[in-house]
Amino acid sequence: MATENEDGKISQLVERSIKSINEAGIVDDKVALEDAAHVKRPEGPFDSLALVALLAELEGAIESDLGVVVSLAAGLGTSSEGSPFATVGSIKRYVTEVVRAAQQ
C-alpha cells in the first residue's frame, strides 16, 4: 500500500515527468506544474503524442524509483471530461491509485 511518503514521491515523479515532456520540444506550450493546470487537449497543450511520451516517462520513473511495474494506458481511453490526464492534479491522483492497486 502506498504511504503518505510514497504519495509525495508520486507527486514529485508526475511533476518531474511533465517537466521533462515540457522541455523535450514536442509541445508548443508548457504545462504549469500546478494541480489545477490543464494537461490534455483541448484545454491543455498535450496532444496524443505528448500524452504517450508522458506515460512512458511516468511508467519508467515509477519502476526505477518505487520498484513497481505499472501500466497507465487504460486511462487514455477515458473521455476528455473524465480523463485522468485532464489536469496535473488528476494525473497525480490516477497514478497514486494505479500504484496502490499494483502493490496489493
C-alpha atoms as a PDB file:
ATOM      1  CA  MET A   1       0.000   0.000   0.000  1.00  0.00           C
ATOM      2  CA  ALA A   2       1.289   3.473  -0.842  1.00  0.00           C
ATOM      3  CA  THR A   3       2.200   5.525   2.185  1.00  0.00           C
ATOM      4  CA  GLU A   4       1.976   9.302   2.548  1.00  0.00           C
ATOM      5  CA  ASN A   5       5.703   9.408   1.796  1.00  0.00           C
ATOM      6  CA  GLU A   6       5.128   7.409  -1.397  1.00  0.00           C
ATOM      7  CA  ASP A   7       2.194   9.667  -2.317  1.00  0.00           C
ATOM      8  CA  GLY A   8       4.532  12.670  -2.071  1.00  0.00           C
ATOM      9  CA  LYS A   9       7.124  10.862  -4.152  1.00  0.00           C
ATOM     10  CA  ILE A  10       4.484  10.044  -6.782  1.00  0.00           C
ATOM     11  CA  SER A  11       3.540  13.746  -6.941  1.00  0.00           C
ATOM     12  CA  GLN A  12       7.197  14.597  -7.488  1.00  0.00           C
ATOM     13  CA  LEU A  13       7.524  11.916 -10.198  1.00  0.00           C
ATOM     14  CA  VAL A  14       4.474  13.303 -12.020  1.00  0.00           C
ATOM     15  CA  GLU A  15       5.834  16.850 -11.879  1.00  0.00           C
ATOM     16  CA  ARG A  16       9.301  15.720 -12.973  1.00  0.00           C
ATOM     17  CA  SER A  17       7.826  13.753 -15.889  1.00  0.00           C
ATOM     18  CA  ILE A  18       5.646  16.655 -17.030  1.00  0.00           C
ATOM     19  CA  LYS A  19       8.648  18.969 -16.817  1.00  0.00           C
ATOM     20  CA  SER A  20      10.637  16.516 -18.949  1.00  0.00           C
ATOM     21  CA  ILE A  21       7.934  16.498 -21.645  1.00  0.00           C
ATOM     22  CA  ASN A  22       7.674  20.294 -21.446  1.00  0.00           C
ATOM     23  CA  GLU A  23      11.402  20.527 -22.146  1.00  0.00           C
ATOM     24  CA  ALA A  24      11.516  17.802 -24.832  1.00  0.00           C
ATOM     25  CA  GLY A  25      10.255  20.163 -27.518  1.00  0.00           C
ATOM     26  CA  ILE A  26       7.284  18.039 -28.581  1.00  0.00           C
ATOM     27  CA  VAL A  27       4.693  20.580 -27.395  1.00  0.00           C
ATOM     28  CA  ASP A  28       4.427  24.272 -28.205  1.00  0.00           C
ATOM     29  CA  ASP A  29       3.000  25.335 -24.849  1.00  0.00           C
ATOM     30  CA  LYS A  30       4.188  24.104 -21.488  1.00  0.00           C
ATOM     31  CA  VAL A  31       2.040  22.722 -18.683  1.00  0.00           C
ATOM     32  CA  ALA A  32       2.354  24.650 -15.418  1.00  0.00           C
ATOM     33  CA  LEU A  33       3.307  22.405 -12.514  1.00  0.00           C
ATOM     34  CA  GLU A  34       0.157  23.262 -10.548  1.00  0.00           C
ATOM     35  CA  ASP A  35      -2.587  20.786  -9.677  1.00  0.00           C
ATOM     36  CA  ALA A  36      -5.276  22.803 -11.494  1.00  0.00           C
ATOM     37  CA  ALA A  37      -3.226  23.212 -14.696  1.00  0.00           C
ATOM     38  CA  HIS A  38      -4.775  21.538 -17.742  1.00  0.00           C
ATOM     39  CA  VAL A  39      -2.673  18.917 -19.491  1.00  0.00           C
ATOM     40  CA  LYS A  40      -4.702  17.070 -22.141  1.00  0.00           C
ATOM     41  CA  ARG A  41      -6.145  18.799 -25.186  1.00  0.00           C
ATOM     42  CA  PRO A  42      -8.413  20.594 -25.870  1.00  0.00           C
ATOM     43  CA  GLU A  43      -7.914  22.578 -22.640  1.00  0.00           C
ATOM     44  CA  GLY A  44      -4.231  21.746 -22.216  1.00  0.00           C
ATOM     45  CA  PRO A  45      -1.260  21.672 -24.601  1.00  0.00           C
ATOM     46  CA  PHE A  46      -0.522  17.913 -24.635  1.00  0.00           C
ATOM     47  CA  ASP A  47      -1.676  16.092 -27.761  1.00  0.00           C
ATOM     48  CA  SER A  48      -1.768  12.300 -28.050  1.00  0.00           C
ATOM     49  CA  LEU A  49       1.963  12.058 -28.819  1.00  0.00           C
ATOM     50  CA  ALA A  50       2.867  14.101 -25.738  1.00  0.00           C
ATOM     51  CA  LEU A  51       0.498  12.018 -23.583  1.00  0.00           C
ATOM     52  CA  VAL A  52       2.072   8.755 -24.750  1.00  0.00           C
ATOM     53  CA  ALA A  53       5.533  10.206 -24.057  1.00  0.00           C
ATOM     54  CA  LEU A  54       4.332  11.257 -20.598  1.00  0.00           C
ATOM     55  CA  LEU A  55       3.001   7.751 -19.897  1.00  0.00           C
ATOM     56  CA  ALA A  56       6.299   6.159 -20.904  1.00  0.00           C
ATOM     57  CA  GLU A  57       8.240   8.662 -18.795  1.00  0.00           C
ATOM     58  CA  LEU A  58       5.991   8.088 -15.772  1.00  0.00           C
ATOM     59  CA  GLU A  59       5.974   4.299 -16.039  1.00  0.00           C
ATOM     60  CA  GLY A  60       9.772   4.243 -16.205  1.00  0.00           C
ATOM     61  CA  ALA A  61      10.119   6.629 -13.269  1.00  0.00           C
ATOM     62  CA  ILE A  62       7.695   4.617 -11.137  1.00  0.00           C
ATOM     63  CA  GLU A  63       9.554   1.398 -11.848  1.00  0.00           C
ATOM     64  CA  SER A  64      13.007   2.860 -11.190  1.00  0.00           C
ATOM     65  CA  ASP A  65      12.100   4.996  -8.163  1.00  0.00           C
ATOM     66  CA  LEU A  66       9.394   2.892  -6.496  1.00  0.00           C
ATOM     67  CA  GLY A  67      10.173  -0.579  -7.810  1.00  0.00           C
ATOM     68  CA  VAL A  68       6.600  -1.034  -9.056  1.00  0.00           C
ATOM     69  CA  VAL A  69       5.711  -2.002 -12.620  1.00  0.00           C
ATOM     70  CA  VAL A  70       2.505  -0.307 -13.788  1.00  0.00           C
ATOM     71  CA  SER A  71       0.605   0.364 -16.988  1.00  0.00           C
ATOM     72  CA  LEU A  72      -1.084   3.755 -17.157  1.00  0.00           C
ATOM     73  CA  ALA A  73      -2.524   3.398 -20.671  1.00  0.00           C
ATOM     74  CA  ALA A  74      -6.006   2.363 -19.506  1.00  0.00           C
ATOM     75  CA  GLY A  75      -6.659   5.990 -18.566  1.00  0.00           C
ATOM     76  CA  LEU A  76      -6.190   7.146 -22.153  1.00  0.00           C
ATOM     77  CA  GLY A  77      -9.492   5.599 -23.218  1.00  0.00           C
ATOM     78  CA  THR A  78     -11.482   7.916 -20.959  1.00  0.00           C
ATOM     79  CA  SER A  79     -13.382  10.847 -22.446  1.00  0.00           C
ATOM     80  CA  SER A  80     -11.791  14.284 -22.142  1.00  0.00           C
ATOM     81  CA  GLU A  81     -14.260  15.343 -19.467  1.00  0.00           C
ATOM     82  CA  GLY A  82     -13.487  12.451 -17.112  1.00  0.00           C
ATOM     83  CA  SER A  83      -9.928  11.830 -18.208  1.00  0.00           C
ATOM     84  CA  PRO A  84      -7.336  11.158 -15.528  1.00  0.00           C
ATOM     85  CA  PHE A  85      -4.977  13.187 -17.730  1.00  0.00           C
ATOM     86  CA  ALA A  86      -7.106  16.349 -17.709  1.00  0.00           C
ATOM     87  CA  THR A  87      -5.063  18.202 -15.064  1.00  0.00           C
ATOM     88  CA  VAL A  88      -1.805  17.801 -13.169  1.00  0.00           C
ATOM     89  CA  GLY A  89      -3.811  17.011 -10.011  1.00  0.00           C
ATOM     90  CA  SER A  90      -5.941  14.352 -11.723  1.00  0.00           C
ATOM     91  CA  ILE A  91      -2.769  12.699 -13.066  1.00  0.00           C
ATOM     92  CA  LYS A  92      -1.303  12.601  -9.553  1.00  0.00           C
ATOM     93  CA  ARG A  93      -4.493  11.011  -8.180  1.00  0.00           C
ATOM     94  CA  TYR A  94      -4.704   8.482 -11.022  1.00  0.00           C
ATOM     95  CA  VAL A  95      -1.062   7.437 -10.766  1.00  0.00           C
ATOM     96  CA  THR A  96      -1.369   7.080  -6.980  1.00  0.00           C
ATOM     97  CA  GLU A  97      -4.422   4.807  -7.429  1.00  0.00           C
ATOM     98  CA  VAL A  98      -2.656   2.679 -10.054  1.00  0.00           C
ATOM     99  CA  VAL A  99       0.465   2.300  -7.902  1.00  0.00           C
ATOM    100  CA  ARG A 100      -1.625   1.351  -4.858  1.00  0.00           C
ATOM    101  CA  ALA A 101      -3.524  -1.250  -6.876  1.00  0.00           C
ATOM    102  CA  ALA A 102      -0.255  -2.708  -8.218  1.00  0.00           C
ATOM    103  CA  GLN A 103       1.128  -3.025  -4.692  1.00  0.00           C
ATOM    104  CA  GLN A 104      -1.791  -5.103  -3.418  1.00  0.00           C
END
